[in-house]
Amino acid sequence: MTTDLGLTSGTTAERWDRAQLFFDSKAYADAARILVGVVEESPEQVGPRLLLARAYYHSAQLRRAEEQLREVIERDPVEHYAHLVLGRTLERQGRSAEAAPYLRLAAAFDGEFPAV
């Protein structure tokens, strides 16, 4: 018999807190397992979805990270960190040309402009 060790039990707020603890301790796959349920319960919230994308990124689940990051950007087009992480995710997949516009946008949102 398998158990989830309490990863998916508790209120949404308790699971959000637990996911952040797992993420902070670099247990990214466990954080992602918790965050999937949190995102399903609160799909309109960008924070849990962005943390899920980051957990996927750090656990080398790059396609899943890309999917979540695109959803974050669709919901919040000026979320500069999502643009940055999507660019990095695409780069890790060998898709540098596709990554470039996201990285440029992230830099622009952060106030970094190329020298003229």
Protein backbone atom coordinates (compact mmCIF):
# COMPACT_ATOMS: atom_id res chain seq x y z
CA MET A 1 0.00 0.00 0.00
CA THR A 2 1.34 3.42 -0.96
CA THR A 3 0.73 6.59 0.95
CA ASP A 4 1.25 10.21 0.09
CA LEU A 5 2.79 10.90 3.52
CA GLY A 6 0.24 13.64 4.07
CA LEU A 7 1.32 15.56 0.99
CA THR A 8 -2.24 15.99 -0.25
CA SER A 9 -4.13 16.18 3.04
CA GLY A 10 -5.25 19.29 4.90
CA THR A 11 -6.81 22.54 3.84
CA THR A 12 -5.68 24.39 0.74
CA ALA A 13 -3.81 26.91 2.90
CA GLU A 14 -2.06 24.12 4.83
CA ARG A 15 -1.03 22.40 1.61
CA TRP A 16 0.20 25.72 0.16
CA ASP A 17 2.36 26.22 3.26
CA ARG A 18 3.60 22.63 3.09
CA ALA A 19 4.43 22.99 -0.61
CA GLN A 20 6.48 26.11 0.12
CA LEU A 21 8.40 24.22 2.80
CA PHE A 22 9.15 21.37 0.40
CA PHE A 23 10.19 23.85 -2.29
CA ASP A 24 12.44 25.74 0.13
CA SER A 25 14.09 22.46 1.16
CA LYS A 26 14.65 21.63 -2.54
CA ALA A 27 12.21 18.70 -2.54
CA TYR A 28 10.79 20.02 -5.80
CA ALA A 29 8.97 16.88 -6.95
CA ASP A 30 7.13 16.66 -3.61
CA ALA A 31 6.27 20.36 -3.78
CA ALA A 32 4.88 19.82 -7.28
CA ARG A 33 2.73 16.88 -6.13
CA ILE A 34 1.14 19.12 -3.49
CA LEU A 35 0.79 22.13 -5.76
CA VAL A 36 -1.09 20.25 -8.48
CA GLY A 37 -4.06 19.96 -6.12
CA VAL A 38 -3.75 23.54 -4.90
CA VAL A 39 -3.77 24.81 -8.50
CA GLU A 40 -6.76 22.62 -9.37
CA GLU A 41 -8.69 24.08 -6.42
CA SER A 42 -7.70 27.68 -7.14
CA PRO A 43 -6.92 27.90 -10.86
CA GLU A 44 -7.36 31.68 -10.94
CA GLN A 45 -4.51 32.28 -8.48
CA VAL A 46 -1.18 32.94 -10.16
CA GLY A 47 1.07 32.37 -7.11
CA PRO A 48 0.52 28.63 -6.68
CA ARG A 49 0.71 28.05 -10.43
CA LEU A 50 3.99 29.97 -10.66
CA LEU A 51 5.46 27.98 -7.76
CA LEU A 52 4.27 24.76 -9.45
CA ALA A 53 6.03 25.82 -12.64
CA ARG A 54 9.22 26.54 -10.71
CA ALA A 55 9.01 23.16 -8.94
CA TYR A 56 8.63 21.48 -12.33
CA TYR A 57 11.57 23.49 -13.69
CA HIS A 58 13.86 22.54 -10.81
CA SER A 59 12.84 18.87 -11.04
CA ALA A 60 13.57 18.88 -14.81
CA GLN A 61 9.92 18.44 -15.78
CA LEU A 62 10.38 21.09 -18.43
CA ARG A 63 7.30 20.47 -20.58
CA ARG A 64 5.10 20.69 -17.51
CA ALA A 65 6.91 23.85 -16.39
CA GLU A 66 6.39 25.37 -19.83
CA GLU A 67 2.67 24.56 -19.76
CA GLN A 68 2.17 26.19 -16.35
CA LEU A 69 4.25 29.24 -17.23
CA ARG A 70 2.27 29.84 -20.40
CA GLU A 71 -0.90 29.68 -18.31
CA VAL A 72 0.54 32.18 -15.81
CA ILE A 73 1.42 34.58 -18.63
CA GLU A 74 -2.03 34.19 -20.15
CA ARG A 75 -3.61 35.08 -16.79
CA ASP A 76 -1.09 37.81 -15.90
CA PRO A 77 0.78 39.09 -18.99
CA VAL A 78 3.03 41.41 -16.95
CA GLU A 79 4.26 38.72 -14.53
CA HIS A 80 7.91 39.34 -15.37
CA TYR A 81 9.27 36.36 -13.44
CA ALA A 82 7.07 33.98 -15.46
CA HIS A 83 8.57 35.41 -18.65
CA LEU A 84 12.08 34.90 -17.27
CA VAL A 85 11.48 31.31 -16.15
CA LEU A 86 9.69 30.45 -19.41
CA GLY A 87 12.67 31.78 -21.32
CA ARG A 88 15.05 29.71 -19.19
CA THR A 89 12.80 26.65 -19.57
CA LEU A 90 12.81 26.98 -23.33
CA GLU A 91 16.59 27.43 -23.33
CA ARG A 92 17.03 24.24 -21.30
CA GLN A 93 15.01 22.46 -23.97
CA GLY A 94 17.34 23.76 -26.69
CA ARG A 95 14.78 26.26 -27.98
CA SER A 96 16.87 29.43 -27.68
CA ALA A 97 15.22 31.29 -30.54
CA GLU A 98 11.80 30.74 -28.98
CA ALA A 99 13.17 31.76 -25.55
CA ALA A 100 14.63 35.09 -26.69
CA PRO A 101 11.40 37.18 -26.75
CA TYR A 102 10.45 36.01 -23.25
CA LEU A 103 13.89 36.84 -21.90
CA ARG A 104 13.80 40.29 -23.56
CA LEU A 105 10.37 40.98 -22.05
CA ALA A 106 11.54 39.86 -18.62
CA ALA A 107 14.53 42.20 -18.87
CA ALA A 108 12.32 45.08 -20.00
CA PHE A 109 9.87 44.49 -17.15
CA ASP A 110 12.85 44.54 -14.80
CA GLY A 111 14.05 47.86 -16.25
CA GLU A 112 17.00 46.46 -18.17
CA PHE A 113 17.28 47.89 -21.67
CA PRO A 114 20.01 47.22 -24.21
CA ALA A 115 22.51 50.00 -24.75
CA VAL A 116 21.87 52.01 -27.91
